[in-house]
Amino acid sequence: MATDHRRVDAELAQEVLLDQPGFLKEIVERVVQELLEAEMTEHIGAAPYERTDARAGHRNGHKPRTLRTRVGTLNLLVPQDREGTFCTRLFSRYQRNEKALCLALMEMYLEGVSTRKVKDITEELCGTSFSKSLVSSLASRLDSELSAWRSRPLEAASYPYVFVDARYEKARVDGRVASQGVLVASAVRDDGLREIVAVEVADTESEATYQELFRSLKGRGLSGVELVVSDEHEGLKAAISRHFQGASHQRCQVHYTRNLLGMVGASKRKELGADLRAIFASPARETALRTASSVAEKWREKGSEKVAEHLEEHVEECLSCLAFPESHRRRIRTTNSLERLNQEIKRRTRVVRIFPNRESCLRLVTALAVEVLEEWVTGRRYLDMRELAEQRRQEGERKAEEVMLMER
């Protein structure tokens, strides 16, 4: 079998970095410095020593600056411009989620609930010269900024696709460790860009929780919802029906597949997975339902009555995406669009393990959401929404023709 040299090189590099933390700090320092220089180039419209009519300013040396990170303190040189108009966005963006992580660790440290490992990490990242009053002051300032972000107006004309996902973190509540639901909602706007529209931490993932989430979203301006994508939850579906009348619910096909594969032995999962892919790849709802009926009968004959019944009763919940443009379906059939944020949450919360309180959990998750959103709004459009607009226009014309025929 051919060797993937890029993968081997990456693995070797990872080993070197893990074995030599000082080398990792050097690499990160170099990358951050390059980002600063690139940011200045973008600001003045010219690279160093470049002659161009597009130049909007001139460099004027550098100013030393340190940045505390998990790989050590970085010694950086921040570019300056003659006009004094350059202000890097890198530090505020990076430090927001670093502050949230450090605050969670410091709170644990002060309350004496940290493990030896967390204590060591806290002292390395944040030092030991901090008091409860300092932590309270830092938390108050950061919470004010993040609370304003969570309650900001949603100003797009419409948000046709909404994605809702939940994960669970542990936090200390009333002197005991309790599981807390972290709810994240994102949406695709009418201009095709994605936006994280809500981050909440709740005791339970109940209908009341989703009712309040959607009520808040509507109050902030969320409108024009046509499809809500999530895992299966009866309370969530009830909340959709109440707050977004006319919107469809798309059950995440990835979550559904995992649930169904868990009903058969390991030797049968490959075959069942292929059958599910055949259903989901259907070009239209009617075709998918016929395929699902055949698949259900096949597994009934194999003695898997539970699989057959589940397909007959629930697979239709996974087919709402087929009513939307074909080019959109791959991205609206699952909640995978939130995977990047979930990975970041998992990576950061692994350090904390058990949050000292619910507020620190919300603080860190919100800070990470702000960072991911900044990437989304400056990146490429997620979907071409002109296709949905054209589909709705054609549907409107067909309905108008049907009305005219009925009136004759």
Protein backbone atom coordinates (compact mmCIF):
# COMPACT_ATOMS: atom_id res chain seq x y z
CA MET A 1 0.00 0.00 0.00
CA ALA A 2 1.30 3.47 -0.91
CA THR A 3 2.47 5.65 1.95
CA ASP A 4 0.91 9.05 2.42
CA HIS A 5 4.07 11.09 3.00
CA ARG A 6 2.13 14.17 4.05
CA ARG A 7 0.45 12.18 6.84
CA VAL A 8 3.79 10.70 7.96
CA ASP A 9 5.43 14.15 7.95
CA ALA A 10 2.54 15.55 9.99
CA GLU A 11 2.85 12.74 12.54
CA LEU A 12 6.62 13.25 12.84
CA ALA A 13 6.13 16.97 13.25
CA GLN A 14 3.55 16.34 15.96
CA GLU A 15 5.96 14.09 17.85
CA VAL A 16 8.69 16.73 17.66
CA LEU A 17 6.34 19.44 18.90
CA LEU A 18 5.02 17.37 21.77
CA ASP A 19 8.49 16.32 22.89
CA GLN A 20 9.90 19.85 22.61
CA PRO A 21 7.42 22.38 24.00
CA GLY A 22 9.97 25.18 23.54
CA PHE A 23 10.03 24.45 19.83
CA LEU A 24 6.21 24.64 19.74
CA LYS A 25 6.35 28.09 21.38
CA GLU A 26 8.86 29.20 18.74
CA ILE A 27 6.59 28.00 15.91
CA VAL A 28 3.49 29.69 17.37
CA GLU A 29 5.45 32.90 17.94
CA ARG A 30 6.61 32.92 14.31
CA VAL A 31 3.10 32.27 12.97
CA VAL A 32 1.51 35.01 15.12
CA GLN A 33 4.22 37.46 14.01
CA GLU A 34 3.48 36.65 10.37
CA LEU A 35 -0.24 37.22 11.01
CA LEU A 36 0.52 40.66 12.47
CA GLU A 37 2.61 41.60 9.43
CA ALA A 38 -0.10 40.34 7.07
CA GLU A 39 -2.70 42.37 8.97
CA MET A 40 -0.60 45.54 8.52
CA THR A 41 -0.14 44.78 4.80
CA GLU A 42 -3.90 44.54 4.43
CA HIS A 43 -4.41 47.75 6.41
CA ILE A 44 -2.12 49.96 4.29
CA GLY A 45 -2.61 48.07 1.02
CA ALA A 46 1.07 47.33 0.43
CA ALA A 47 3.74 44.84 1.46
CA PRO A 48 7.07 46.08 2.91
CA TYR A 49 9.04 48.10 0.29
CA GLU A 50 6.29 47.53 -2.29
CA ARG A 51 5.65 50.39 -4.74
CA THR A 52 1.96 50.60 -5.55
CA ASP A 53 -0.67 53.26 -6.21
CA ALA A 54 -3.01 51.35 -3.89
CA ARG A 55 -0.87 52.19 -0.83
CA ALA A 56 -2.97 53.88 1.88
CA GLY A 57 -0.23 54.42 4.47
CA HIS A 58 3.36 53.69 5.51
CA ARG A 59 4.98 51.46 8.10
CA ASN A 60 6.72 53.09 11.04
CA GLY A 61 8.64 50.40 12.89
CA HIS A 62 7.39 48.02 15.57
CA LYS A 63 6.33 48.08 19.20
CA PRO A 64 7.23 45.15 21.50
CA ARG A 65 4.31 43.25 23.01
CA THR A 66 3.97 40.00 24.95
CA LEU A 67 1.06 37.59 24.67
CA ARG A 68 0.50 34.89 27.30
CA THR A 69 -0.63 31.60 25.74
CA ARG A 70 -0.80 27.94 26.69
CA VAL A 71 2.57 27.29 25.04
CA GLY A 72 4.26 30.09 26.98
CA THR A 73 4.66 33.85 26.73
CA LEU A 74 5.14 35.00 23.14
CA ASN A 75 7.49 37.94 22.48
CA LEU A 76 6.06 39.83 19.53
CA LEU A 77 6.71 43.00 17.55
CA VAL A 78 3.48 44.77 16.64
CA PRO A 79 3.77 46.79 13.40
CA GLN A 80 3.08 50.54 13.62
CA ASP A 81 2.03 52.96 10.87
CA ARG A 82 2.92 56.65 10.51
CA GLU A 83 -0.69 57.73 10.66
CA GLY A 84 -1.33 55.83 13.90
CA THR A 85 -4.50 54.24 12.53
CA PHE A 86 -3.45 50.57 12.69
CA CYS A 87 -4.99 48.52 15.50
CA THR A 88 -4.60 44.75 15.35
CA ARG A 89 -7.71 42.64 15.88
CA LEU A 90 -5.63 39.57 16.69
CA PHE A 91 -5.06 40.21 20.41
CA SER A 92 -8.64 41.04 21.35
CA ARG A 93 -9.94 38.04 19.43
CA TYR A 94 -7.37 35.63 20.87
CA GLN A 95 -7.47 36.91 24.42
CA ARG A 96 -11.27 36.83 24.74
CA ASN A 97 -11.47 33.04 24.82
CA GLU A 98 -8.12 32.75 26.63
CA LYS A 99 -9.52 35.02 29.36
CA ALA A 100 -12.64 32.87 29.63
CA LEU A 101 -10.54 29.72 30.01
CA CYS A 102 -8.21 31.33 32.56
CA LEU A 103 -11.13 32.67 34.58
CA ALA A 104 -12.67 29.20 34.82
CA LEU A 105 -9.36 27.78 36.01
CA MET A 106 -8.75 30.62 38.49
CA GLU A 107 -12.22 30.21 40.00
CA MET A 108 -11.56 26.50 40.50
CA TYR A 109 -8.15 27.30 42.00
CA LEU A 110 -9.58 29.81 44.49
CA GLU A 111 -12.46 27.55 45.49
CA GLY A 112 -10.09 24.65 46.11
CA VAL A 113 -11.89 22.27 43.76
CA SER A 114 -9.13 21.90 41.17
CA THR A 115 -7.14 18.72 40.64
CA ARG A 116 -3.35 18.77 40.86
CA LYS A 117 -3.16 18.86 37.06
CA VAL A 118 -5.55 21.83 36.81
CA LYS A 119 -3.62 23.60 39.60
CA ASP A 120 -0.37 23.21 37.67
CA ILE A 121 -1.96 24.41 34.42
CA THR A 122 -3.52 27.41 36.19
CA GLU A 123 -0.21 28.49 37.71
CA GLU A 124 1.51 28.13 34.34
CA LEU A 125 -1.15 30.04 32.40
CA CYS A 126 -2.35 32.63 34.87
CA GLY A 127 0.30 32.80 37.58
CA THR A 128 -0.64 32.68 41.28
CA SER A 129 -0.95 36.39 42.14
CA PHE A 130 -4.69 36.76 41.71
CA SER A 131 -7.40 37.34 44.29
CA LYS A 132 -11.13 36.74 44.38
CA SER A 133 -11.74 40.46 43.83
CA LEU A 134 -9.50 40.47 40.73
CA VAL A 135 -11.23 37.40 39.29
CA SER A 136 -14.63 38.93 40.01
CA SER A 137 -13.64 42.17 38.28
CA LEU A 138 -12.23 40.40 35.22
CA ALA A 139 -15.29 38.16 34.97
CA SER A 140 -17.66 41.12 35.25
CA ARG A 141 -16.00 42.99 32.38
CA LEU A 142 -15.85 39.96 30.11
CA ASP A 143 -19.40 38.87 30.98
CA SER A 144 -20.70 42.32 30.07
CA GLU A 145 -19.12 42.09 26.61
CA LEU A 146 -20.33 38.53 26.00
CA SER A 147 -23.84 39.21 27.31
CA ALA A 148 -24.16 42.11 24.86
CA TRP A 149 -23.10 39.76 22.05
CA ARG A 150 -25.68 37.12 23.05
CA SER A 151 -28.49 39.69 23.09
CA ARG A 152 -27.47 41.59 19.94
CA PRO A 153 -30.16 42.30 17.31
CA LEU A 154 -30.38 39.84 14.41
CA GLU A 155 -30.52 42.16 11.44
CA ALA A 156 -30.61 39.98 8.32
CA ALA A 157 -33.85 40.14 6.31
CA SER A 158 -34.47 36.42 6.90
CA TYR A 159 -32.85 33.27 8.29
CA PRO A 160 -34.26 30.39 6.19
CA TYR A 161 -32.17 27.60 7.76
CA VAL A 162 -31.65 27.24 11.52
CA PHE A 163 -29.43 24.57 13.14
CA VAL A 164 -29.76 23.64 16.82
CA ASP A 165 -27.36 21.36 18.67
CA ALA A 166 -26.88 20.42 22.31
CA ARG A 167 -23.95 18.98 24.21
CA TYR A 168 -23.42 18.45 27.93
CA GLU A 169 -20.80 19.79 30.31
CA LYS A 170 -20.38 19.30 34.05
CA ALA A 171 -20.57 22.27 36.41
CA ARG A 172 -20.91 22.79 40.16
CA VAL A 173 -24.43 23.94 40.99
CA ASP A 174 -25.57 24.41 44.61
CA GLY A 175 -22.61 22.49 45.95
CA ARG A 176 -22.96 19.46 43.68
CA VAL A 177 -21.72 18.46 40.25
CA ALA A 178 -24.56 18.61 37.71
CA SER A 179 -24.82 18.03 33.99
CA GLN A 180 -25.59 21.24 32.10
CA GLY A 181 -27.01 21.44 28.60
CA VAL A 182 -25.04 23.72 26.29
CA LEU A 183 -27.39 24.83 23.50
CA VAL A 184 -26.01 26.41 20.35
CA ALA A 185 -28.08 27.70 17.44
CA SER A 186 -26.74 28.88 14.10
CA ALA A 187 -28.53 30.02 10.97
CA VAL A 188 -27.94 30.59 7.28
CA ARG A 189 -28.99 34.13 6.38
CA ASP A 190 -30.67 35.28 3.20
CA ASP A 191 -27.26 36.42 1.90
CA GLY A 192 -25.85 32.87 2.25
CA LEU A 193 -23.55 33.59 5.20
CA ARG A 194 -23.77 31.67 8.47
CA GLU A 195 -24.29 33.28 11.85
CA ILE A 196 -24.23 31.86 15.37
CA VAL A 197 -27.47 33.29 16.73
CA ALA A 198 -27.69 31.81 20.24
CA VAL A 199 -25.60 30.25 22.99
CA GLU A 200 -27.31 29.15 26.20
CA VAL A 201 -26.56 26.96 29.22
CA ALA A 202 -29.57 25.27 30.82
CA ASP A 203 -30.26 22.73 33.56
CA THR A 204 -32.28 20.52 31.24
CA GLU A 205 -32.90 20.13 27.52
CA SER A 206 -36.69 20.46 27.84
CA GLU A 207 -39.55 21.90 25.81
CA ALA A 208 -39.59 24.92 28.12
CA THR A 209 -35.90 25.50 27.40
CA TYR A 210 -36.49 25.49 23.64
CA GLN A 211 -39.62 27.63 23.98
CA GLU A 212 -37.57 30.29 25.75
CA LEU A 213 -34.71 29.96 23.24
CA PHE A 214 -36.97 30.50 20.23
CA ARG A 215 -38.94 33.26 21.97
CA SER A 216 -35.70 35.11 22.59
CA LEU A 217 -34.51 34.61 19.00
CA LYS A 218 -37.76 35.98 17.60
CA GLY A 219 -37.57 38.94 19.94
CA ARG A 220 -34.09 39.75 18.64
CA GLY A 221 -35.26 39.67 15.02
CA LEU A 222 -34.98 36.07 13.78
CA SER A 223 -37.56 35.62 11.03
CA GLY A 224 -38.21 33.87 7.73
CA VAL A 225 -37.37 30.42 9.15
CA GLU A 226 -38.24 27.61 6.74
CA LEU A 227 -36.26 24.67 8.13
CA VAL A 228 -34.92 23.81 11.60
CA VAL A 229 -32.25 21.09 11.70
CA SER A 230 -31.56 19.21 14.94
CA ASP A 231 -31.39 15.83 16.60
CA GLU A 232 -34.68 14.22 17.65
CA HIS A 233 -36.39 15.99 20.57
CA GLU A 234 -40.16 16.17 21.03
CA GLY A 235 -39.95 19.37 23.06
CA LEU A 236 -37.91 21.08 20.36
CA LYS A 237 -40.42 20.08 17.67
CA ALA A 238 -43.27 21.46 19.77
CA ALA A 239 -41.38 24.73 20.18
CA ILE A 240 -40.82 24.94 16.40
CA SER A 241 -44.54 24.48 15.75
CA ARG A 242 -45.40 27.24 18.18
CA HIS A 243 -42.81 29.86 17.22
CA PHE A 244 -42.05 29.16 13.55
CA GLN A 245 -45.40 28.21 12.04
CA GLY A 246 -44.96 26.71 8.59
CA ALA A 247 -41.32 25.76 9.15
CA SER A 248 -40.27 22.13 8.66
CA HIS A 249 -38.12 20.07 11.01
CA GLN A 250 -35.17 18.12 9.61
CA ARG A 251 -33.91 15.36 11.88
CA CYS A 252 -30.11 15.16 11.64
CA GLN A 253 -29.30 12.22 9.37
CA VAL A 254 -25.97 11.58 11.12
CA HIS A 255 -27.57 11.26 14.55
CA TYR A 256 -30.37 9.12 13.11
CA THR A 257 -27.86 6.80 11.41
CA ARG A 258 -25.90 6.35 14.65
CA ASN A 259 -29.09 5.51 16.53
CA LEU A 260 -30.20 2.94 13.98
CA LEU A 261 -26.78 1.30 13.62
CA GLY A 262 -26.81 0.78 17.39
CA MET A 263 -29.77 -1.57 16.94
CA VAL A 264 -27.79 -4.18 15.00
CA GLY A 265 -24.61 -6.13 15.59
CA ALA A 266 -21.24 -4.91 14.30
CA SER A 267 -21.30 -7.39 11.39
CA LYS A 268 -24.52 -5.87 10.00
CA ARG A 269 -23.72 -2.18 10.36
CA LYS A 270 -21.96 -1.77 7.03
CA GLU A 271 -24.95 -3.17 5.14
CA LEU A 272 -27.49 -1.11 7.11
CA GLY A 273 -25.39 2.01 6.64
CA ALA A 274 -25.38 1.48 2.87
CA ASP A 275 -29.18 1.05 2.90
CA LEU A 276 -29.62 4.32 4.79
CA ARG A 277 -27.34 6.17 2.37
CA ALA A 278 -29.48 4.89 -0.51
CA ILE A 279 -32.59 6.33 1.17
CA PHE A 280 -30.97 9.69 1.90
CA ALA A 281 -29.51 9.98 -1.62
CA SER A 282 -32.98 9.82 -3.20
CA PRO A 283 -33.82 12.79 -5.47
CA ALA A 284 -37.32 13.29 -4.05
CA ARG A 285 -39.37 12.53 -0.94
CA GLU A 286 -41.64 10.00 -2.68
CA THR A 287 -38.64 8.06 -4.03
CA ALA A 288 -37.00 8.08 -0.60
CA LEU A 289 -40.14 6.73 1.08
CA ARG A 290 -40.43 3.91 -1.46
CA THR A 291 -36.78 2.99 -0.92
CA ALA A 292 -37.26 3.15 2.86
CA SER A 293 -40.27 0.83 2.62
CA SER A 294 -38.20 -1.72 0.67
CA VAL A 295 -35.32 -1.44 3.15
CA ALA A 296 -37.68 -1.90 6.11
CA GLU A 297 -39.15 -5.04 4.55
CA LYS A 298 -35.67 -6.38 3.84
CA TRP A 299 -34.59 -6.02 7.48
CA ARG A 300 -37.88 -7.45 8.73
CA GLU A 301 -37.15 -10.59 6.68
CA LYS A 302 -33.67 -10.64 8.25
CA GLY A 303 -35.31 -10.79 11.68
CA SER A 304 -34.59 -7.17 12.66
CA GLU A 305 -38.15 -6.10 13.46
CA LYS A 306 -36.92 -3.20 15.60
CA VAL A 307 -34.98 -1.70 12.67
CA ALA A 308 -37.94 -2.17 10.32
CA GLU A 309 -40.38 -0.48 12.70
CA HIS A 310 -37.99 2.39 13.38
CA LEU A 311 -37.59 3.04 9.66
CA GLU A 312 -41.34 2.96 9.08
CA GLU A 313 -42.07 5.32 11.97
CA HIS A 314 -39.17 7.78 11.93
CA VAL A 315 -37.12 7.90 8.72
CA GLU A 316 -39.55 10.40 7.19
CA GLU A 317 -38.36 12.92 9.79
CA CYS A 318 -34.97 12.87 8.03
CA LEU A 319 -36.35 13.77 4.58
CA SER A 320 -37.53 17.37 5.00
CA CYS A 321 -34.36 18.60 3.26
CA LEU A 322 -35.62 17.08 -0.01
CA ALA A 323 -38.13 19.94 -0.33
CA PHE A 324 -35.25 22.40 -0.75
CA PRO A 325 -32.75 23.04 -3.60
CA GLU A 326 -30.64 20.00 -4.41
CA SER A 327 -27.40 21.98 -4.06
CA HIS A 328 -28.37 22.88 -0.46
CA ARG A 329 -29.28 19.40 0.75
CA ARG A 330 -25.83 18.14 1.70
CA ARG A 331 -25.42 21.06 4.09
CA ILE A 332 -28.92 21.19 5.58
CA ARG A 333 -29.46 17.47 6.20
CA THR A 334 -27.30 17.36 9.37
CA THR A 335 -26.04 19.59 12.18
CA ASN A 336 -22.45 19.05 11.02
CA SER A 337 -22.11 22.77 10.29
CA LEU A 338 -21.70 23.25 14.07
CA GLU A 339 -18.95 20.62 14.30
CA ARG A 340 -16.09 23.17 14.23
CA LEU A 341 -17.51 24.97 17.26
CA ASN A 342 -18.22 21.71 19.08
CA GLN A 343 -14.63 20.58 18.54
CA GLU A 344 -13.33 23.84 20.01
CA ILE A 345 -15.65 23.54 23.01
CA LYS A 346 -14.54 19.95 23.60
CA ARG A 347 -10.85 20.86 23.29
CA ARG A 348 -11.06 23.74 25.78
CA THR A 349 -13.44 22.15 28.29
CA ARG A 350 -11.21 19.07 28.47
CA VAL A 351 -8.78 21.22 30.48
CA VAL A 352 -11.44 22.31 32.99
CA ARG A 353 -13.41 19.02 33.16
CA ILE A 354 -15.86 20.36 35.78
CA PHE A 355 -16.71 24.06 35.65
CA PRO A 356 -16.76 25.87 39.01
CA ASN A 357 -20.20 27.29 38.17
CA ARG A 358 -22.70 27.61 35.33
CA GLU A 359 -21.58 31.17 34.52
CA SER A 360 -18.00 30.12 33.77
CA CYS A 361 -19.27 27.46 31.35
CA LEU A 362 -21.46 29.98 29.52
CA ARG A 363 -18.57 32.47 29.45
CA LEU A 364 -16.13 30.10 27.78
CA VAL A 365 -18.60 28.66 25.26
CA THR A 366 -19.76 32.16 24.27
CA ALA A 367 -16.18 33.37 23.80
CA LEU A 368 -15.50 30.42 21.49
CA ALA A 369 -18.72 31.09 19.58
CA VAL A 370 -17.69 34.71 19.00
CA GLU A 371 -14.37 33.52 17.59
CA VAL A 372 -16.00 31.04 15.21
CA LEU A 373 -18.55 33.63 14.07
CA GLU A 374 -15.75 36.04 13.18
CA GLU A 375 -14.36 33.35 10.87
CA TRP A 376 -17.77 32.76 9.29
CA VAL A 377 -18.65 36.37 8.49
CA THR A 378 -15.27 37.00 6.85
CA GLY A 379 -15.25 33.72 4.92
CA ARG A 380 -17.02 32.43 1.83
CA ARG A 381 -20.78 32.23 1.53
CA TYR A 382 -22.04 28.94 2.90
CA LEU A 383 -24.90 28.60 0.39
CA ASP A 384 -26.12 30.35 -2.75
CA MET A 385 -29.52 31.51 -1.54
CA ARG A 386 -30.59 32.68 -5.01
CA GLU A 387 -31.50 29.06 -5.72
CA LEU A 388 -33.96 28.99 -2.82
CA ALA A 389 -35.44 32.33 -3.92
CA GLU A 390 -35.87 31.01 -7.47
CA GLN A 391 -37.51 27.81 -6.21
CA ARG A 392 -39.95 29.83 -4.09
CA ARG A 393 -40.73 32.10 -7.09
CA GLN A 394 -41.56 29.09 -9.28
CA GLU A 395 -43.72 27.56 -6.54
CA GLY A 396 -45.59 30.86 -6.22
CA GLU A 397 -46.29 30.94 -9.95
CA ARG A 398 -47.59 27.35 -9.88
CA LYS A 399 -49.92 28.12 -6.98
CA ALA A 400 -51.21 31.23 -8.75
CA GLU A 401 -51.95 29.18 -11.87
CA GLU A 402 -53.78 26.56 -9.80
CA VAL A 403 -55.94 29.26 -8.19
CA MET A 404 -56.79 30.72 -11.60
CA LEU A 405 -57.82 27.29 -12.91
CA MET A 406 -60.04 26.68 -9.87
CA GLU A 407 -61.76 30.05 -10.31
CA ARG A 408 -62.69 29.42 -13.95
